[in-house]
Amino acid sequence: MSSAAQPADPARAYADLTAQATKLNEEVLRAQEDLVKRKGELERATATVGAAQQVERQAKRDRDDFQGQVDLIAQASFEGARFNQLSALLVADSQQDFLHRLEMMRVLASDKEESLARLSGAVEQAQQAHQVAEDARARAAETTAAAEKLKGDLDARNAALQTQINEVRTALTRLPAPVVNQLRDPGDRGQVGVPAGVAGQALAFALGQRGDSYQYGGIGPEGWDCSGLTMKAYAAAGFTIPRTSGGQAGVGRVVSRGEVRAGDLIVYYPSRSHVAMAVDNQRAVHASTEGQPVKIAPIDAIGPIAVIRRIEG
């Protein structure tokens, strides 16, 4: 390729492309989280449909059973089992027979009233169960459509990210050797003191990954992206934080730049697409971007700070 076709400033082009790739990586991770949540909703909706259908089937069986009882009583009445007091007196063979017929009349009337009441209740319950099942099916269908849309969105973002990664790697090959060597330098790998407690344990883990490769979407041990490193660092300390830098921007409590201390999470850019962990008030350890290993860098040189969060204390 001729020199005229080369970027005017390869280092600037590389920096711009890595910033775009970092933002896309964050968007992919957030879309993945959204898809996981939506799939969870779909599983719950599907379970609700199953339960509602089971209730609906039982309600219909009850309705059919009570309808059968009412039909039997109606048939008995039609065949002459229904009497009035006068007819009972006229056809009775004895006083005892008369009393027996009266009792039979009372039982039939009671059975009919009870069966009709049960049938009415069963019909209403079956209607309600059917509506619940229909509502559950509708919610499941909506959730399925939403999950499919999210999946399509995730696939598109993943494709865009892969394109961006390829551009970053191409831009990296255009950098002068001294610049590449500087980028790949793991920096200070000496002993760093850490405080006691959760923040200190998390920081010790993050510092232990210095020199490891950057990997988009990486959560170790082969490679890391920024939020993958900080998430795993706090997990090693027994504390769960969100997977994305955007999610991590909402945990713990806000502290000012002047209050920064070891273990604080420093989230960068208006899009909150990058995160680092403070080593002290001046330095942070982070998984930067393609072509650069996990390393310590000056807090204010990493990028514009969006928010600083303290997980412990």
C-alpha atoms as a PDB file:
ATOM      1  CA  MET A   1       0.000   0.000   0.000  1.00  0.00           C
ATOM      2  CA  SER A   2       1.350   3.449  -0.846  1.00  0.00           C
ATOM      3  CA  SER A   3       2.171   5.958   1.858  1.00  0.00           C
ATOM      4  CA  ALA A   4      -0.603   8.189   0.522  1.00  0.00           C
ATOM      5  CA  ALA A   5      -3.119   5.489   1.520  1.00  0.00           C
ATOM      6  CA  GLN A   6      -1.825   5.239   5.063  1.00  0.00           C
ATOM      7  CA  PRO A   7      -3.710   7.046   7.853  1.00  0.00           C
ATOM      8  CA  ALA A   8      -2.309  10.482   8.609  1.00  0.00           C
ATOM      9  CA  ASP A   9      -1.958   9.514  12.275  1.00  0.00           C
ATOM     10  CA  PRO A  10      -1.973   5.726  12.799  1.00  0.00           C
ATOM     11  CA  ALA A  11      -1.871   6.103  16.587  1.00  0.00           C
ATOM     12  CA  ARG A  12      -4.919   8.399  16.570  1.00  0.00           C
ATOM     13  CA  ALA A  13      -6.761   6.068  14.198  1.00  0.00           C
ATOM     14  CA  TYR A  14      -5.952   3.109  16.464  1.00  0.00           C
ATOM     15  CA  ALA A  15      -7.151   4.986  19.554  1.00  0.00           C
ATOM     16  CA  ASP A  16     -10.408   6.003  17.875  1.00  0.00           C
ATOM     17  CA  LEU A  17     -11.095   2.472  16.660  1.00  0.00           C
ATOM     18  CA  THR A  18     -10.363   0.907  20.046  1.00  0.00           C
ATOM     19  CA  ALA A  19     -12.703   3.400  21.721  1.00  0.00           C
ATOM     20  CA  GLN A  20     -15.473   2.442  19.297  1.00  0.00           C
ATOM     21  CA  ALA A  21     -14.764  -1.262  19.804  1.00  0.00           C
ATOM     22  CA  THR A  22     -14.846  -0.867  23.590  1.00  0.00           C
ATOM     23  CA  LYS A  23     -18.241   0.822  23.355  1.00  0.00           C
ATOM     24  CA  LEU A  24     -19.554  -1.911  21.040  1.00  0.00           C
ATOM     25  CA  ASN A  25     -18.220  -4.593  23.377  1.00  0.00           C
ATOM     26  CA  GLU A  26     -20.123  -3.008  26.245  1.00  0.00           C
ATOM     27  CA  GLU A  27     -23.286  -2.878  24.130  1.00  0.00           C
ATOM     28  CA  VAL A  28     -22.904  -6.570  23.283  1.00  0.00           C
ATOM     29  CA  LEU A  29     -22.468  -7.475  26.950  1.00  0.00           C
ATOM     30  CA  ARG A  30     -25.532  -5.457  27.936  1.00  0.00           C
ATOM     31  CA  ALA A  31     -27.562  -7.088  25.154  1.00  0.00           C
ATOM     32  CA  GLN A  32     -26.434 -10.497  26.393  1.00  0.00           C
ATOM     33  CA  GLU A  33     -27.584  -9.620  29.916  1.00  0.00           C
ATOM     34  CA  ASP A  34     -30.930  -8.412  28.578  1.00  0.00           C
ATOM     35  CA  LEU A  35     -31.355 -11.618  26.601  1.00  0.00           C
ATOM     36  CA  VAL A  36     -30.599 -13.765  29.655  1.00  0.00           C
ATOM     37  CA  LYS A  37     -33.221 -11.825  31.643  1.00  0.00           C
ATOM     38  CA  ARG A  38     -35.742 -12.138  28.838  1.00  0.00           C
ATOM     39  CA  LYS A  39     -35.137 -15.881  28.570  1.00  0.00           C
ATOM     40  CA  GLY A  40     -35.710 -16.136  32.319  1.00  0.00           C
ATOM     41  CA  GLU A  41     -39.006 -14.293  31.878  1.00  0.00           C
ATOM     42  CA  LEU A  42     -39.912 -16.653  29.050  1.00  0.00           C
ATOM     43  CA  GLU A  43     -39.212 -19.712  31.210  1.00  0.00           C
ATOM     44  CA  ARG A  44     -41.411 -18.290  33.964  1.00  0.00           C
ATOM     45  CA  ALA A  45     -44.138 -17.393  31.463  1.00  0.00           C
ATOM     46  CA  THR A  46     -44.034 -20.897  29.985  1.00  0.00           C
ATOM     47  CA  ALA A  47     -44.300 -22.422  33.451  1.00  0.00           C
ATOM     48  CA  THR A  48     -47.269 -20.145  34.176  1.00  0.00           C
ATOM     49  CA  VAL A  49     -48.964 -21.312  30.993  1.00  0.00           C
ATOM     50  CA  GLY A  50     -48.485 -24.947  32.025  1.00  0.00           C
ATOM     51  CA  ALA A  51     -49.885 -24.341  35.490  1.00  0.00           C
ATOM     52  CA  ALA A  52     -52.812 -22.320  34.134  1.00  0.00           C
ATOM     53  CA  GLN A  53     -53.659 -25.004  31.599  1.00  0.00           C
ATOM     54  CA  GLN A  54     -53.626 -27.650  34.322  1.00  0.00           C
ATOM     55  CA  VAL A  55     -56.037 -25.579  36.438  1.00  0.00           C
ATOM     56  CA  GLU A  56     -58.196 -25.020  33.368  1.00  0.00           C
ATOM     57  CA  ARG A  57     -58.363 -28.761  32.624  1.00  0.00           C
ATOM     58  CA  GLN A  58     -59.315 -29.568  36.230  1.00  0.00           C
ATOM     59  CA  ALA A  59     -61.965 -26.846  36.237  1.00  0.00           C
ATOM     60  CA  LYS A  60     -63.471 -28.272  33.057  1.00  0.00           C
ATOM     61  CA  ARG A  61     -63.490 -31.782  34.556  1.00  0.00           C
ATOM     62  CA  ASP A  62     -65.284 -30.445  37.666  1.00  0.00           C
ATOM     63  CA  ARG A  63     -67.777 -28.626  35.472  1.00  0.00           C
ATOM     64  CA  ASP A  64     -68.463 -31.780  33.461  1.00  0.00           C
ATOM     65  CA  ASP A  65     -68.830 -33.873  36.642  1.00  0.00           C
ATOM     66  CA  PHE A  66     -71.375 -31.479  38.164  1.00  0.00           C
ATOM     67  CA  GLN A  67     -73.180 -31.218  34.843  1.00  0.00           C
ATOM     68  CA  GLY A  68     -73.486 -35.009  34.895  1.00  0.00           C
ATOM     69  CA  GLN A  69     -74.990 -34.942  38.381  1.00  0.00           C
ATOM     70  CA  VAL A  70     -77.541 -32.328  37.353  1.00  0.00           C
ATOM     71  CA  ASP A  71     -78.406 -34.360  34.262  1.00  0.00           C
ATOM     72  CA  LEU A  72     -79.005 -37.481  36.368  1.00  0.00           C
ATOM     73  CA  ILE A  73     -81.343 -35.601  38.720  1.00  0.00           C
ATOM     74  CA  ALA A  74     -83.196 -34.125  35.760  1.00  0.00           C
ATOM     75  CA  GLN A  75     -83.567 -37.589  34.266  1.00  0.00           C
ATOM     76  CA  ALA A  76     -84.895 -38.962  37.568  1.00  0.00           C
ATOM     77  CA  SER A  77     -87.415 -36.147  37.763  1.00  0.00           C
ATOM     78  CA  PHE A  78     -88.523 -36.790  34.191  1.00  0.00           C
ATOM     79  CA  GLU A  79     -89.035 -40.488  34.945  1.00  0.00           C
ATOM     80  CA  GLY A  80     -91.293 -39.756  37.882  1.00  0.00           C
ATOM     81  CA  ALA A  81     -88.906 -39.449  40.756  1.00  0.00           C
ATOM     82  CA  ARG A  82     -90.069 -35.939  41.453  1.00  0.00           C
ATOM     83  CA  PHE A  83     -93.199 -35.853  43.640  1.00  0.00           C
ATOM     84  CA  ASN A  84     -95.336 -33.324  45.377  1.00  0.00           C
ATOM     85  CA  GLN A  85     -96.852 -33.810  48.810  1.00  0.00           C
ATOM     86  CA  LEU A  86    -100.341 -34.622  47.498  1.00  0.00           C
ATOM     87  CA  SER A  87     -99.161 -37.286  45.069  1.00  0.00           C
ATOM     88  CA  ALA A  88     -97.072 -38.838  47.823  1.00  0.00           C
ATOM     89  CA  LEU A  89    -100.130 -39.055  50.050  1.00  0.00           C
ATOM     90  CA  LEU A  90    -102.312 -40.565  47.323  1.00  0.00           C
ATOM     91  CA  VAL A  91     -99.931 -43.317  46.300  1.00  0.00           C
ATOM     92  CA  ALA A  92     -98.508 -44.136  49.729  1.00  0.00           C
ATOM     93  CA  ASP A  93     -99.325 -47.626  51.030  1.00  0.00           C
ATOM     94  CA  SER A  94     -98.880 -46.614  54.649  1.00  0.00           C
ATOM     95  CA  GLN A  95     -97.938 -43.755  56.918  1.00  0.00           C
ATOM     96  CA  GLN A  96     -94.375 -45.004  56.906  1.00  0.00           C
ATOM     97  CA  ASP A  97     -94.350 -45.161  53.113  1.00  0.00           C
ATOM     98  CA  PHE A  98     -95.710 -41.581  52.998  1.00  0.00           C
ATOM     99  CA  LEU A  99     -92.928 -40.361  55.293  1.00  0.00           C
ATOM    100  CA  HIS A 100     -90.359 -42.234  53.228  1.00  0.00           C
ATOM    101  CA  ARG A 101     -91.635 -40.595  50.035  1.00  0.00           C
ATOM    102  CA  LEU A 102     -91.526 -37.152  51.657  1.00  0.00           C
ATOM    103  CA  GLU A 103     -87.922 -37.767  52.727  1.00  0.00           C
ATOM    104  CA  MET A 104     -87.036 -38.848  49.188  1.00  0.00           C
ATOM    105  CA  MET A 105     -88.579 -35.621  47.885  1.00  0.00           C
ATOM    106  CA  ARG A 106     -86.486 -33.585  50.307  1.00  0.00           C
ATOM    107  CA  VAL A 107     -83.286 -35.402  49.361  1.00  0.00           C
ATOM    108  CA  LEU A 108     -83.926 -34.954  45.644  1.00  0.00           C
ATOM    109  CA  ALA A 109     -84.636 -31.262  46.081  1.00  0.00           C
ATOM    110  CA  SER A 110     -81.537 -30.837  48.226  1.00  0.00           C
ATOM    111  CA  ASP A 111     -79.358 -32.768  45.766  1.00  0.00           C
ATOM    112  CA  LYS A 112     -80.676 -30.739  42.845  1.00  0.00           C
ATOM    113  CA  GLU A 113     -80.075 -27.415  44.601  1.00  0.00           C
ATOM    114  CA  GLU A 114     -76.575 -28.436  45.690  1.00  0.00           C
ATOM    115  CA  SER A 115     -75.656 -29.833  42.282  1.00  0.00           C
ATOM    116  CA  LEU A 116     -76.917 -26.725  40.490  1.00  0.00           C
ATOM    117  CA  ALA A 117     -74.919 -24.522  42.844  1.00  0.00           C
ATOM    118  CA  ARG A 118     -71.790 -26.617  42.293  1.00  0.00           C
ATOM    119  CA  LEU A 119     -72.351 -26.563  38.542  1.00  0.00           C
ATOM    120  CA  SER A 120     -72.730 -22.787  38.541  1.00  0.00           C
ATOM    121  CA  GLY A 121     -69.528 -22.386  40.546  1.00  0.00           C
ATOM    122  CA  ALA A 122     -67.669 -24.871  38.360  1.00  0.00           C
ATOM    123  CA  VAL A 123     -68.761 -23.093  35.177  1.00  0.00           C
ATOM    124  CA  GLU A 124     -67.568 -19.764  36.562  1.00  0.00           C
ATOM    125  CA  GLN A 125     -64.278 -21.272  37.716  1.00  0.00           C
ATOM    126  CA  ALA A 126     -63.736 -22.916  34.330  1.00  0.00           C
ATOM    127  CA  GLN A 127     -64.338 -19.582  32.593  1.00  0.00           C
ATOM    128  CA  GLN A 128     -61.918 -17.809  34.908  1.00  0.00           C
ATOM    129  CA  ALA A 129     -59.288 -20.550  34.498  1.00  0.00           C
ATOM    130  CA  HIS A 130     -59.643 -20.342  30.724  1.00  0.00           C
ATOM    131  CA  GLN A 131     -59.103 -16.574  30.803  1.00  0.00           C
ATOM    132  CA  VAL A 132     -56.041 -16.933  33.038  1.00  0.00           C
ATOM    133  CA  ALA A 133     -54.625 -19.537  30.650  1.00  0.00           C
ATOM    134  CA  GLU A 134     -55.320 -17.316  27.654  1.00  0.00           C
ATOM    135  CA  ASP A 135     -53.620 -14.352  29.364  1.00  0.00           C
ATOM    136  CA  ALA A 136     -50.623 -16.536  30.224  1.00  0.00           C
ATOM    137  CA  ARG A 137     -50.377 -17.763  26.646  1.00  0.00           C
ATOM    138  CA  ALA A 138     -50.506 -14.167  25.376  1.00  0.00           C
ATOM    139  CA  ARG A 139     -47.750 -13.081  27.782  1.00  0.00           C
ATOM    140  CA  ALA A 140     -45.604 -16.037  26.761  1.00  0.00           C
ATOM    141  CA  ALA A 141     -46.076 -15.154  23.093  1.00  0.00           C
ATOM    142  CA  GLU A 142     -45.099 -11.524  23.749  1.00  0.00           C
ATOM    143  CA  THR A 143     -42.053 -12.620  25.740  1.00  0.00           C
ATOM    144  CA  THR A 144     -41.028 -15.019  22.980  1.00  0.00           C
ATOM    145  CA  ALA A 145     -41.246 -12.255  20.379  1.00  0.00           C
ATOM    146  CA  ALA A 146     -39.243  -9.900  22.605  1.00  0.00           C
ATOM    147  CA  ALA A 147     -36.570 -12.556  23.181  1.00  0.00           C
ATOM    148  CA  GLU A 148     -36.310 -13.198  19.447  1.00  0.00           C
ATOM    149  CA  LYS A 149     -35.941  -9.456  18.788  1.00  0.00           C
ATOM    150  CA  LEU A 150     -33.227  -9.194  21.433  1.00  0.00           C
ATOM    151  CA  LYS A 151     -31.439 -12.183  19.912  1.00  0.00           C
ATOM    152  CA  GLY A 152     -31.494 -10.506  16.520  1.00  0.00           C
ATOM    153  CA  ASP A 153     -30.199  -7.284  18.038  1.00  0.00           C
ATOM    154  CA  LEU A 154     -27.432  -9.171  19.830  1.00  0.00           C
ATOM    155  CA  ASP A 155     -26.392 -10.938  16.637  1.00  0.00           C
ATOM    156  CA  ALA A 156     -26.224  -7.610  14.799  1.00  0.00           C
ATOM    157  CA  ARG A 157     -24.139  -6.028  17.557  1.00  0.00           C
ATOM    158  CA  ASN A 158     -21.837  -9.029  17.632  1.00  0.00           C
ATOM    159  CA  ALA A 159     -21.302  -8.765  13.898  1.00  0.00           C
ATOM    160  CA  ALA A 160     -20.544  -5.052  14.221  1.00  0.00           C
ATOM    161  CA  LEU A 161     -18.121  -5.768  17.056  1.00  0.00           C
ATOM    162  CA  GLN A 162     -16.263  -8.376  15.039  1.00  0.00           C
ATOM    163  CA  THR A 163     -15.922  -5.922  12.163  1.00  0.00           C
ATOM    164  CA  GLN A 164     -14.630  -3.298  14.576  1.00  0.00           C
ATOM    165  CA  ILE A 165     -12.151  -5.733  16.144  1.00  0.00           C
ATOM    166  CA  ASN A 166     -10.759  -6.549  12.707  1.00  0.00           C
ATOM    167  CA  GLU A 167     -10.336  -2.840  12.010  1.00  0.00           C
ATOM    168  CA  VAL A 168      -8.545  -2.377  15.336  1.00  0.00           C
ATOM    169  CA  ARG A 169      -6.185  -5.214  14.552  1.00  0.00           C
ATOM    170  CA  THR A 170      -5.508  -3.785  11.119  1.00  0.00           C
ATOM    171  CA  ALA A 171      -4.829  -0.378  12.648  1.00  0.00           C
ATOM    172  CA  LEU A 172      -2.466  -2.013  15.134  1.00  0.00           C
ATOM    173  CA  THR A 173      -0.353  -3.394  12.301  1.00  0.00           C
ATOM    174  CA  ARG A 174       0.064   0.126  10.922  1.00  0.00           C
ATOM    175  CA  LEU A 175       1.584   1.501  14.099  1.00  0.00           C
ATOM    176  CA  PRO A 176       5.336   2.085  14.258  1.00  0.00           C
ATOM    177  CA  ALA A 177       7.207  -0.642  16.124  1.00  0.00           C
ATOM    178  CA  PRO A 178       8.173   1.633  19.051  1.00  0.00           C
ATOM    179  CA  VAL A 179       4.498   2.519  19.590  1.00  0.00           C
ATOM    180  CA  VAL A 180       3.440  -1.137  19.472  1.00  0.00           C
ATOM    181  CA  ASN A 181       6.152  -2.051  21.950  1.00  0.00           C
ATOM    182  CA  GLN A 182       4.995   0.715  24.271  1.00  0.00           C
ATOM    183  CA  LEU A 183       1.387  -0.467  24.048  1.00  0.00           C
ATOM    184  CA  ARG A 184       2.372  -4.052  24.803  1.00  0.00           C
ATOM    185  CA  ASP A 185       4.535  -3.097  27.750  1.00  0.00           C
ATOM    186  CA  PRO A 186       2.834  -4.453  30.903  1.00  0.00           C
ATOM    187  CA  GLY A 187       4.265  -1.562  32.896  1.00  0.00           C
ATOM    188  CA  ASP A 188       4.850  -1.769  36.627  1.00  0.00           C
ATOM    189  CA  ARG A 189       4.598  -5.380  37.754  1.00  0.00           C
ATOM    190  CA  GLY A 190       6.294  -4.868  41.089  1.00  0.00           C
ATOM    191  CA  GLN A 191       4.839  -5.568  44.517  1.00  0.00           C
ATOM    192  CA  VAL A 192       1.945  -3.293  45.443  1.00  0.00           C
ATOM    193  CA  GLY A 193       0.540  -3.095  48.934  1.00  0.00           C
ATOM    194  CA  VAL A 194      -3.214  -3.607  49.278  1.00  0.00           C
ATOM    195  CA  PRO A 195      -5.528  -2.809  52.196  1.00  0.00           C
ATOM    196  CA  ALA A 196      -7.355  -5.392  54.257  1.00  0.00           C
ATOM    197  CA  GLY A 197     -10.938  -6.345  53.495  1.00  0.00           C
ATOM    198  CA  VAL A 198     -12.963  -6.999  50.368  1.00  0.00           C
ATOM    199  CA  ALA A 199     -11.530  -4.086  48.365  1.00  0.00           C
ATOM    200  CA  GLY A 200      -7.972  -5.171  49.113  1.00  0.00           C
ATOM    201  CA  GLN A 201      -8.677  -8.776  48.133  1.00  0.00           C
ATOM    202  CA  ALA A 202     -10.289  -7.647  44.868  1.00  0.00           C
ATOM    203  CA  LEU A 203      -7.365  -5.356  44.104  1.00  0.00           C
ATOM    204  CA  ALA A 204      -4.850  -8.115  44.808  1.00  0.00           C
ATOM    205  CA  PHE A 205      -6.642 -10.327  42.270  1.00  0.00           C
ATOM    206  CA  ALA A 206      -6.696  -7.595  39.612  1.00  0.00           C
ATOM    207  CA  LEU A 207      -3.018  -6.813  40.152  1.00  0.00           C
ATOM    208  CA  GLY A 208      -2.239 -10.502  39.802  1.00  0.00           C
ATOM    209  CA  GLN A 209      -3.490 -10.389  36.198  1.00  0.00           C
ATOM    210  CA  ARG A 210      -0.992  -7.751  35.053  1.00  0.00           C
ATOM    211  CA  GLY A 211       0.531  -8.780  31.752  1.00  0.00           C
ATOM    212  CA  ASP A 212      -2.503 -10.887  30.724  1.00  0.00           C
ATOM    213  CA  SER A 213      -3.945 -10.287  27.272  1.00  0.00           C
ATOM    214  CA  TYR A 214      -6.965  -8.148  26.517  1.00  0.00           C
ATOM    215  CA  GLN A 215      -9.885 -10.096  25.059  1.00  0.00           C
ATOM    216  CA  TYR A 216     -13.247  -8.669  24.037  1.00  0.00           C
ATOM    217  CA  GLY A 217     -15.843 -10.346  26.244  1.00  0.00           C
ATOM    218  CA  GLY A 218     -13.101 -12.052  28.233  1.00  0.00           C
ATOM    219  CA  ILE A 219     -13.601 -13.066  31.847  1.00  0.00           C
ATOM    220  CA  GLY A 220     -10.306 -14.960  32.170  1.00  0.00           C
ATOM    221  CA  PRO A 221      -8.195 -16.822  32.609  1.00  0.00           C
ATOM    222  CA  GLU A 222      -7.017 -16.611  28.972  1.00  0.00           C
ATOM    223  CA  GLY A 223      -7.885 -12.941  28.576  1.00  0.00           C
ATOM    224  CA  TRP A 224      -9.916 -10.094  30.033  1.00  0.00           C
ATOM    225  CA  ASP A 225     -12.047  -7.181  29.076  1.00  0.00           C
ATOM    226  CA  CYS A 226     -12.354  -4.300  31.519  1.00  0.00           C
ATOM    227  CA  SER A 227     -15.534  -5.282  33.351  1.00  0.00           C
ATOM    228  CA  GLY A 228     -14.691  -8.979  33.189  1.00  0.00           C
ATOM    229  CA  LEU A 229     -11.529  -8.264  35.177  1.00  0.00           C
ATOM    230  CA  THR A 230     -13.234  -6.138  37.836  1.00  0.00           C
ATOM    231  CA  MET A 231     -16.170  -8.550  38.149  1.00  0.00           C
ATOM    232  CA  LYS A 232     -13.876 -11.532  38.665  1.00  0.00           C
ATOM    233  CA  ALA A 233     -11.688  -9.538  41.040  1.00  0.00           C
ATOM    234  CA  TYR A 234     -14.591  -8.825  43.360  1.00  0.00           C
ATOM    235  CA  ALA A 235     -15.890 -12.371  42.921  1.00  0.00           C
ATOM    236  CA  ALA A 236     -12.503 -13.591  44.189  1.00  0.00           C
ATOM    237  CA  ALA A 237     -13.149 -11.466  47.270  1.00  0.00           C
ATOM    238  CA  GLY A 238     -16.575 -13.057  47.723  1.00  0.00           C
ATOM    239  CA  PHE A 239     -18.553 -10.098  46.416  1.00  0.00           C
ATOM    240  CA  THR A 240     -20.849 -10.205  43.376  1.00  0.00           C
ATOM    241  CA  ILE A 241     -21.036  -7.187  41.056  1.00  0.00           C
ATOM    242  CA  PRO A 242     -22.655  -6.877  37.594  1.00  0.00           C
ATOM    243  CA  ARG A 243     -20.906  -8.115  34.466  1.00  0.00           C
ATOM    244  CA  THR A 244     -20.899  -4.826  32.528  1.00  0.00           C
ATOM    245  CA  SER A 245     -19.175  -1.538  33.238  1.00  0.00           C
ATOM    246  CA  GLY A 246     -22.572   0.130  32.917  1.00  0.00           C
ATOM    247  CA  GLY A 247     -23.941  -2.183  35.585  1.00  0.00           C
ATOM    248  CA  GLN A 248     -20.904  -1.655  37.789  1.00  0.00           C
ATOM    249  CA  ALA A 249     -21.496   2.092  37.541  1.00  0.00           C
ATOM    250  CA  GLY A 250     -24.556   1.557  39.731  1.00  0.00           C
ATOM    251  CA  VAL A 251     -23.178  -0.577  42.578  1.00  0.00           C
ATOM    252  CA  GLY A 252     -21.863   0.563  45.939  1.00  0.00           C
ATOM    253  CA  ARG A 253     -21.834   4.293  46.588  1.00  0.00           C
ATOM    254  CA  VAL A 254     -20.513   7.301  44.718  1.00  0.00           C
ATOM    255  CA  VAL A 255     -17.254   8.890  45.836  1.00  0.00           C
ATOM    256  CA  SER A 256     -15.493  11.981  44.506  1.00  0.00           C
ATOM    257  CA  ARG A 257     -12.233  11.997  42.607  1.00  0.00           C
ATOM    258  CA  GLY A 258     -10.413  13.323  45.659  1.00  0.00           C
ATOM    259  CA  GLU A 259     -11.764  10.500  47.834  1.00  0.00           C
ATOM    260  CA  VAL A 260     -10.550   7.675  45.582  1.00  0.00           C
ATOM    261  CA  ARG A 261      -8.828   4.833  47.381  1.00  0.00           C
ATOM    262  CA  ALA A 262      -7.698   1.285  46.621  1.00  0.00           C
ATOM    263  CA  GLY A 263     -10.421  -0.989  45.252  1.00  0.00           C
ATOM    264  CA  ASP A 264     -12.755   1.767  44.029  1.00  0.00           C
ATOM    265  CA  LEU A 265     -14.289   1.248  40.593  1.00  0.00           C
ATOM    266  CA  ILE A 266     -13.645   4.103  38.173  1.00  0.00           C
ATOM    267  CA  VAL A 267     -16.058   4.125  35.239  1.00  0.00           C
ATOM    268  CA  TYR A 268     -15.114   6.117  32.154  1.00  0.00           C
ATOM    269  CA  TYR A 269     -16.829   7.900  29.241  1.00  0.00           C
ATOM    270  CA  PRO A 270     -20.395   9.197  29.043  1.00  0.00           C
ATOM    271  CA  SER A 271     -21.427   5.778  27.700  1.00  0.00           C
ATOM    272  CA  ARG A 272     -19.877   4.165  30.808  1.00  0.00           C
ATOM    273  CA  SER A 273     -18.170   1.703  28.525  1.00  0.00           C
ATOM    274  CA  HIS A 274     -14.884   1.252  30.403  1.00  0.00           C
ATOM    275  CA  VAL A 275     -13.980   0.524  34.020  1.00  0.00           C
ATOM    276  CA  ALA A 276     -10.756   0.344  36.004  1.00  0.00           C
ATOM    277  CA  MET A 277      -9.913  -0.408  39.631  1.00  0.00           C
ATOM    278  CA  ALA A 278      -8.054   2.124  41.724  1.00  0.00           C
ATOM    279  CA  VAL A 279      -4.662   1.063  43.066  1.00  0.00           C
ATOM    280  CA  ASP A 280      -4.435   4.253  45.084  1.00  0.00           C
ATOM    281  CA  ASN A 281      -5.524   7.864  44.591  1.00  0.00           C
ATOM    282  CA  GLN A 282      -3.375   8.294  41.470  1.00  0.00           C
ATOM    283  CA  ARG A 283      -3.223   4.926  39.706  1.00  0.00           C
ATOM    284  CA  ALA A 284      -5.616   2.246  38.485  1.00  0.00           C
ATOM    285  CA  VAL A 285      -5.248  -1.246  37.084  1.00  0.00           C
ATOM    286  CA  HIS A 286      -7.359  -2.120  34.059  1.00  0.00           C
ATOM    287  CA  ALA A 287      -7.788  -4.304  31.002  1.00  0.00           C
ATOM    288  CA  SER A 288      -7.428  -1.577  28.430  1.00  0.00           C
ATOM    289  CA  THR A 289      -8.066  -2.704  24.853  1.00  0.00           C
ATOM    290  CA  GLU A 290      -6.848  -4.841  21.962  1.00  0.00           C
ATOM    291  CA  GLY A 291      -3.069  -4.951  21.760  1.00  0.00           C
ATOM    292  CA  GLN A 292      -2.504  -3.894  25.353  1.00  0.00           C
ATOM    293  CA  PRO A 293      -2.150  -6.176  28.391  1.00  0.00           C
ATOM    294  CA  VAL A 294      -3.684  -5.670  31.805  1.00  0.00           C
ATOM    295  CA  LYS A 295      -1.600  -2.929  33.381  1.00  0.00           C
ATOM    296  CA  ILE A 296      -1.431  -0.038  35.824  1.00  0.00           C
ATOM    297  CA  ALA A 297      -2.030   3.439  34.388  1.00  0.00           C
ATOM    298  CA  PRO A 298      -2.616   6.940  35.785  1.00  0.00           C
ATOM    299  CA  ILE A 299      -6.285   7.297  36.693  1.00  0.00           C
ATOM    300  CA  ASP A 300      -6.792  10.553  34.820  1.00  0.00           C
ATOM    301  CA  ALA A 301      -4.940   9.384  31.694  1.00  0.00           C
ATOM    302  CA  ILE A 302      -7.280   6.468  31.017  1.00  0.00           C
ATOM    303  CA  GLY A 303     -10.170   8.638  29.855  1.00  0.00           C
ATOM    304  CA  PRO A 304     -12.899  11.027  30.998  1.00  0.00           C
ATOM    305  CA  ILE A 305     -14.333   9.814  34.302  1.00  0.00           C
ATOM    306  CA  ALA A 306     -18.104   9.276  34.405  1.00  0.00           C
ATOM    307  CA  VAL A 307     -18.520   8.016  37.973  1.00  0.00           C
ATOM    308  CA  ILE A 308     -16.509   6.460  40.801  1.00  0.00           C
ATOM    309  CA  ARG A 309     -18.092   3.798  42.976  1.00  0.00           C
ATOM    310  CA  ARG A 310     -16.953   2.335  46.275  1.00  0.00           C
ATOM    311  CA  ILE A 311     -18.072  -1.243  46.871  1.00  0.00           C
ATOM    312  CA  GLU A 312     -16.945  -1.521  50.477  1.00  0.00           C
ATOM    313  CA  GLY A 313     -17.034   1.115  53.211  1.00  0.00           C
END
